[in-house]
C-alpha atoms as a PDB file:
ATOM      1  CA  UNK A   1      77.936 113.785 -40.539  1.00  0.00           C
ATOM      2  CA  UNK A   2      76.385 115.872 -43.277  1.00  0.00           C
ATOM      3  CA  UNK A   3      76.419 114.647 -46.852  1.00  0.00           C
ATOM      4  CA  UNK A   4      78.665 117.481 -48.009  1.00  0.00           C
ATOM      5  CA  UNK A   5      81.183 116.750 -45.250  1.00  0.00           C
ATOM      6  CA  UNK A   6      81.153 113.080 -46.237  1.00  0.00           C
ATOM      7  CA  UNK A   7      81.848 113.959 -49.888  1.00  0.00           C
ATOM      8  CA  UNK A   8      84.758 116.208 -48.891  1.00  0.00           C
ATOM      9  CA  UNK A   9      86.199 113.539 -46.598  1.00  0.00           C
ATOM     10  CA  UNK A  10      85.955 110.915 -49.344  1.00  0.00           C
ATOM     11  CA  UNK A  11      87.638 113.242 -51.862  1.00  0.00           C
ATOM     12  CA  UNK A  12      90.468 113.950 -49.423  1.00  0.00           C
ATOM     13  CA  UNK A  13      90.931 110.325 -48.380  1.00  0.00           C
ATOM     14  CA  UNK A  14      90.661 108.775 -51.853  1.00  0.00           C
ATOM     15  CA  UNK A  15      91.732 111.437 -54.360  1.00  0.00           C
ATOM     16  CA  UNK A  16      91.869 110.671 -58.068  1.00  0.00           C
ATOM     17  CA  UNK A  17      95.322 109.335 -58.920  1.00  0.00           C
ATOM     18  CA  UNK A  18      97.124 108.429 -62.086  1.00  0.00           C
ATOM     19  CA  UNK A  19      99.034 105.165 -62.185  1.00  0.00           C
ATOM     20  CA  UNK A  20     102.790 105.267 -62.562  1.00  0.00           C
ATOM     21  CA  UNK A  21     104.863 102.731 -64.506  1.00  0.00           C
ATOM     22  CA  UNK A  22     106.072 101.055 -61.293  1.00  0.00           C
ATOM     23  CA  UNK A  23     102.523 100.310 -60.051  1.00  0.00           C
ATOM     24  CA  UNK A  24     101.446  96.698 -60.229  1.00  0.00           C
ATOM     25  CA  UNK A  25      98.235  95.808 -62.026  1.00  0.00           C
ATOM     26  CA  UNK A  26      96.737  94.815 -58.651  1.00  0.00           C
ATOM     27  CA  UNK A  27      97.506  98.244 -57.167  1.00  0.00           C
ATOM     28  CA  UNK A  28      96.032 100.024 -60.193  1.00  0.00           C
ATOM     29  CA  UNK A  29      92.868  97.925 -60.052  1.00  0.00           C
ATOM     30  CA  UNK A  30      92.528  98.371 -56.276  1.00  0.00           C
ATOM     31  CA  UNK A  31      92.826 102.160 -56.486  1.00  0.00           C
ATOM     32  CA  UNK A  32      90.470 102.238 -59.433  1.00  0.00           C
ATOM     33  CA  UNK A  33      87.915 100.268 -57.445  1.00  0.00           C
ATOM     34  CA  UNK A  34      88.245 102.604 -54.465  1.00  0.00           C
ATOM     35  CA  UNK A  35      87.789 105.627 -56.649  1.00  0.00           C
ATOM     36  CA  UNK A  36      84.779 104.204 -58.479  1.00  0.00           C
ATOM     37  CA  UNK A  37      83.033 103.666 -55.139  1.00  0.00           C
ATOM     38  CA  UNK A  38      83.873 107.221 -54.052  1.00  0.00           C
ATOM     39  CA  UNK A  39      82.480 108.607 -57.306  1.00  0.00           C
ATOM     40  CA  UNK A  40      79.312 106.530 -56.918  1.00  0.00           C
ATOM     41  CA  UNK A  41      78.758 107.719 -53.331  1.00  0.00           C
ATOM     42  CA  UNK A  42      79.328 111.362 -54.269  1.00  0.00           C
ATOM     43  CA  UNK A  43      76.939 111.064 -57.228  1.00  0.00           C
ATOM     44  CA  UNK A  44      74.349 109.404 -54.972  1.00  0.00           C
ATOM     45  CA  UNK A  45      74.672 112.175 -52.380  1.00  0.00           C
ATOM     46  CA  UNK A  46      74.285 114.841 -55.076  1.00  0.00           C
ATOM     47  CA  UNK A  47      71.255 113.193 -56.688  1.00  0.00           C
ATOM     48  CA  UNK A  48      69.493 112.168 -53.476  1.00  0.00           C
ATOM     49  CA  UNK A  49      70.166 115.083 -51.159  1.00  0.00           C
ATOM     50  CA  UNK A  50      66.440 115.598 -50.719  1.00  0.00           C
ATOM     51  CA  UNK A  51      65.919 111.988 -49.578  1.00  0.00           C
ATOM     52  CA  UNK A  52      68.680 112.395 -47.025  1.00  0.00           C
ATOM     53  CA  UNK A  53      67.192 115.675 -45.788  1.00  0.00           C
ATOM     54  CA  UNK A  54      63.748 114.039 -45.454  1.00  0.00           C
ATOM     55  CA  UNK A  55      65.306 111.317 -43.349  1.00  0.00           C
ATOM     56  CA  UNK A  56      66.758 113.956 -41.051  1.00  0.00           C
ATOM     57  CA  UNK A  57      63.400 115.706 -40.754  1.00  0.00           C
ATOM     58  CA  UNK A  58      61.673 112.401 -40.010  1.00  0.00           C
ATOM     59  CA  UNK A  59      64.059 111.714 -37.136  1.00  0.00           C
ATOM     60  CA  UNK A  60      63.245 115.131 -35.649  1.00  0.00           C
ATOM     61  CA  UNK A  61      59.471 114.612 -35.727  1.00  0.00           C
ATOM     62  CA  UNK A  62      57.849 113.305 -32.545  1.00  0.00           C
ATOM     63  CA  UNK A  63      56.353 109.837 -32.673  1.00  0.00           C
ATOM     64  CA  UNK A  64      52.760 109.605 -31.406  1.00  0.00           C
END
């Protein structure tokens, strides 16, 4: 899976949400934790796209 496809899938699966008054503190914290991980992964993919592309190139090179 390409990095961009992963970012889109994460955004669709774990969209930003606003808590509602009926949400328990545990639910708010859980969703917040999910979202913080999604944001970290997306930021990592954006900042390290070149590292990921080098890894792909390295897997395509023949080993002597």
